[in-house]
Amino acid sequence: MSGQSNGEKAGAVTEFGAKIPVSLVDGFTFVDRINWNNYKEYNDLKGKIKAYRDRFRYYPESVHADKIYRNRKSRQFCKRNGIRFSGPALGRAPKEVDPERKRRAGQDESDRILIEGKFGQGKRWFSLLKIMCKSAKTSEAAMGADEAVGMR
């Protein structure tokens, strides 16, 4: 749940607020980390997958990640561990796409959009956009209280 980023939203050029990489498993949202520092979150994917393995004792069948996580290192890690990485392959798109692959890509994108819905739910229904605490610790406590109420 980052704030404004690189002029993409509302013309802002800086980023503010907590970065909260989350995972969604069977309708449950898992938050393993909240970070207030400016960092490149594409490095989080490997840790999130390992957290999944620690929590459930096996790797996920597939990973549906946002574009920032779709890089060579993440793809190699998934391939080594037998995880299907959703999203288009790196490089030039093929001229002809197998209909089954196209169908699966559409379903993968639908699955990935569910997590965006959880962010929207947190912002609208649980007022996460209105948290105005002065310190990181009190903000995290307020976020945790809101999530405990119903981020399922």
Protein backbone atom coordinates (compact mmCIF):
# COMPACT_ATOMS: atom_id res chain seq x y z
CA MET A 1 0.00 0.00 0.00
CA SER A 2 2.39 2.58 -1.20
CA GLY A 3 1.53 6.19 -1.61
CA GLN A 4 2.23 8.10 -4.80
CA SER A 5 4.93 6.76 -7.07
CA ASN A 6 7.07 8.17 -9.90
CA GLY A 7 4.43 10.55 -11.21
CA GLU A 8 2.08 7.69 -12.06
CA LYS A 9 -0.65 8.76 -9.67
CA ALA A 10 -1.88 12.29 -9.09
CA GLY A 11 1.26 13.80 -10.62
CA ALA A 12 3.43 13.05 -7.56
CA VAL A 13 7.12 12.27 -8.07
CA THR A 14 7.94 10.84 -4.65
CA GLU A 15 6.74 7.80 -2.80
CA PHE A 16 5.52 7.82 0.77
CA GLY A 17 3.82 5.52 3.22
CA ALA A 18 4.31 1.89 4.05
CA LYS A 19 5.22 -0.71 1.47
CA ILE A 20 3.30 -3.84 2.32
CA PRO A 21 4.01 -6.87 0.17
CA VAL A 22 1.15 -9.31 0.72
CA SER A 23 0.10 -12.74 -0.44
CA LEU A 24 -3.39 -14.12 -0.87
CA VAL A 25 -4.03 -17.81 -0.22
CA ASP A 26 -7.52 -19.31 -0.30
CA GLY A 27 -9.08 -15.91 0.42
CA PHE A 28 -6.79 -15.11 3.37
CA THR A 29 -4.39 -12.17 3.17
CA PHE A 30 -0.92 -12.65 4.67
CA VAL A 31 1.28 -9.67 5.58
CA ASP A 32 4.80 -10.78 6.41
CA ARG A 33 6.50 -7.41 6.27
CA ILE A 34 5.80 -3.70 6.53
CA ASN A 35 8.58 -1.38 5.42
CA TRP A 36 8.65 2.41 5.63
CA ASN A 37 11.92 2.83 3.74
CA ASN A 38 12.20 3.52 0.05
CA TYR A 39 13.47 0.28 -1.51
CA LYS A 40 12.98 -1.81 -4.61
CA GLU A 41 10.24 -4.27 -3.76
CA TYR A 42 11.06 -6.57 -6.67
CA ASN A 43 13.55 -8.22 -4.27
CA ASP A 44 10.68 -9.32 -1.97
CA LEU A 45 9.29 -12.13 -4.11
CA LYS A 46 11.84 -14.79 -3.14
CA GLY A 47 11.26 -14.06 0.55
CA LYS A 48 7.47 -14.18 0.12
CA ILE A 49 7.71 -17.57 -1.59
CA LYS A 50 9.97 -18.89 1.16
CA ALA A 51 7.52 -17.56 3.78
CA TYR A 52 4.77 -19.48 1.98
CA ARG A 53 6.88 -22.65 2.11
CA ASP A 54 7.59 -22.14 5.82
CA ARG A 55 3.90 -21.54 6.54
CA PHE A 56 2.43 -24.40 4.47
CA ARG A 57 5.45 -26.78 4.21
CA TYR A 58 5.49 -26.76 0.39
CA TYR A 59 6.00 -24.30 -2.45
CA PRO A 60 2.98 -22.86 -4.23
CA GLU A 61 1.95 -24.38 -7.55
CA SER A 62 2.04 -20.94 -9.17
CA VAL A 63 2.85 -17.31 -8.42
CA HIS A 64 0.71 -14.44 -9.71
CA ALA A 65 2.86 -11.36 -9.24
CA ASP A 66 2.66 -7.73 -10.24
CA LYS A 67 4.90 -6.54 -13.10
CA ILE A 68 7.63 -5.22 -10.80
CA TYR A 69 8.31 -8.80 -9.63
CA ARG A 70 8.49 -10.24 -13.16
CA ASN A 71 12.26 -10.22 -13.60
CA ARG A 72 14.90 -12.76 -14.56
CA LYS A 73 15.96 -13.59 -10.97
CA SER A 74 12.40 -14.23 -9.82
CA ARG A 75 11.65 -16.39 -12.85
CA GLN A 76 14.83 -18.44 -12.33
CA PHE A 77 14.02 -18.98 -8.64
CA CYS A 78 10.51 -20.17 -9.53
CA LYS A 79 11.77 -22.47 -12.28
CA ARG A 80 14.38 -24.05 -9.95
CA ASN A 81 11.64 -24.80 -7.41
CA GLY A 82 8.99 -26.07 -9.83
CA ILE A 83 6.72 -23.04 -9.48
CA ARG A 84 4.78 -21.76 -12.48
CA PHE A 85 5.34 -18.01 -12.80
CA SER A 86 2.31 -16.29 -14.30
CA GLY A 87 2.52 -13.44 -16.75
CA PRO A 88 4.13 -12.96 -20.12
CA ALA A 89 7.64 -14.25 -20.73
CA LEU A 90 10.47 -11.76 -20.86
CA GLY A 91 11.49 -10.58 -24.30
CA ARG A 92 9.56 -10.31 -27.52
CA ALA A 93 6.04 -11.74 -27.62
CA PRO A 94 5.56 -14.80 -29.87
CA LYS A 95 3.79 -14.28 -33.19
CA GLU A 96 1.36 -17.10 -32.52
CA VAL A 97 0.01 -17.91 -29.07
CA ASP A 98 -1.30 -21.34 -28.15
CA PRO A 99 -5.03 -21.01 -27.24
CA GLU A 100 -4.52 -22.95 -23.98
CA ARG A 101 -1.66 -20.64 -22.99
CA LYS A 102 -3.81 -17.60 -23.80
CA ARG A 103 -6.69 -18.95 -21.69
CA ARG A 104 -4.37 -19.68 -18.77
CA ALA A 105 -2.81 -16.21 -19.04
CA GLY A 106 -6.26 -14.64 -18.79
CA GLN A 107 -7.12 -16.76 -15.74
CA ASP A 108 -3.76 -15.92 -14.14
CA GLU A 109 -4.41 -12.20 -14.58
CA SER A 110 -7.86 -12.59 -13.03
CA ASP A 111 -6.29 -14.36 -10.05
CA ARG A 112 -3.66 -11.63 -9.68
CA ILE A 113 -6.31 -8.91 -9.69
CA LEU A 114 -7.84 -10.42 -6.53
CA ILE A 115 -4.92 -9.06 -4.49
CA GLU A 116 -5.49 -5.57 -5.89
CA GLY A 117 -9.07 -5.91 -4.67
CA LYS A 118 -7.80 -6.67 -1.16
CA PHE A 119 -5.83 -3.41 -1.18
CA GLY A 120 -8.93 -1.54 -2.29
CA GLN A 121 -10.96 -3.26 0.41
CA GLY A 122 -8.44 -2.21 3.04
CA LYS A 123 -8.40 1.38 1.84
CA ARG A 124 -12.17 1.83 1.46
CA TRP A 125 -13.80 -0.48 3.97
CA PHE A 126 -11.19 -0.40 6.72
CA SER A 127 -10.03 3.22 6.30
CA LEU A 128 -6.35 2.40 5.78
CA LEU A 129 -6.05 5.58 3.70
CA LYS A 130 -7.06 7.63 6.73
CA ILE A 131 -4.35 6.45 9.13
CA MET A 132 -2.57 9.60 10.30
CA CYS A 133 -0.39 8.28 13.14
CA LYS A 134 2.88 10.07 13.76
CA SER A 135 5.20 7.10 14.11
CA ALA A 136 5.73 3.88 12.18
CA LYS A 137 4.89 1.74 15.23
CA THR A 138 1.53 3.38 15.89
CA SER A 139 0.67 3.27 12.18
CA GLU A 140 1.47 -0.45 12.10
CA ALA A 141 -0.70 -0.99 15.17
CA ALA A 142 -3.58 0.85 13.50
CA MET A 143 -3.13 -1.16 10.30
CA GLY A 144 -3.02 -4.41 12.27
CA ALA A 145 -6.21 -3.52 14.12
CA ASP A 146 -7.99 -2.77 10.85
CA GLU A 147 -6.77 -6.01 9.27
CA ALA A 148 -7.77 -8.06 12.30
CA VAL A 149 -11.31 -6.75 11.89
CA GLY A 150 -11.80 -8.17 8.44
CA MET A 151 -9.20 -8.36 5.67
CA ARG A 152 -10.48 -11.85 4.85
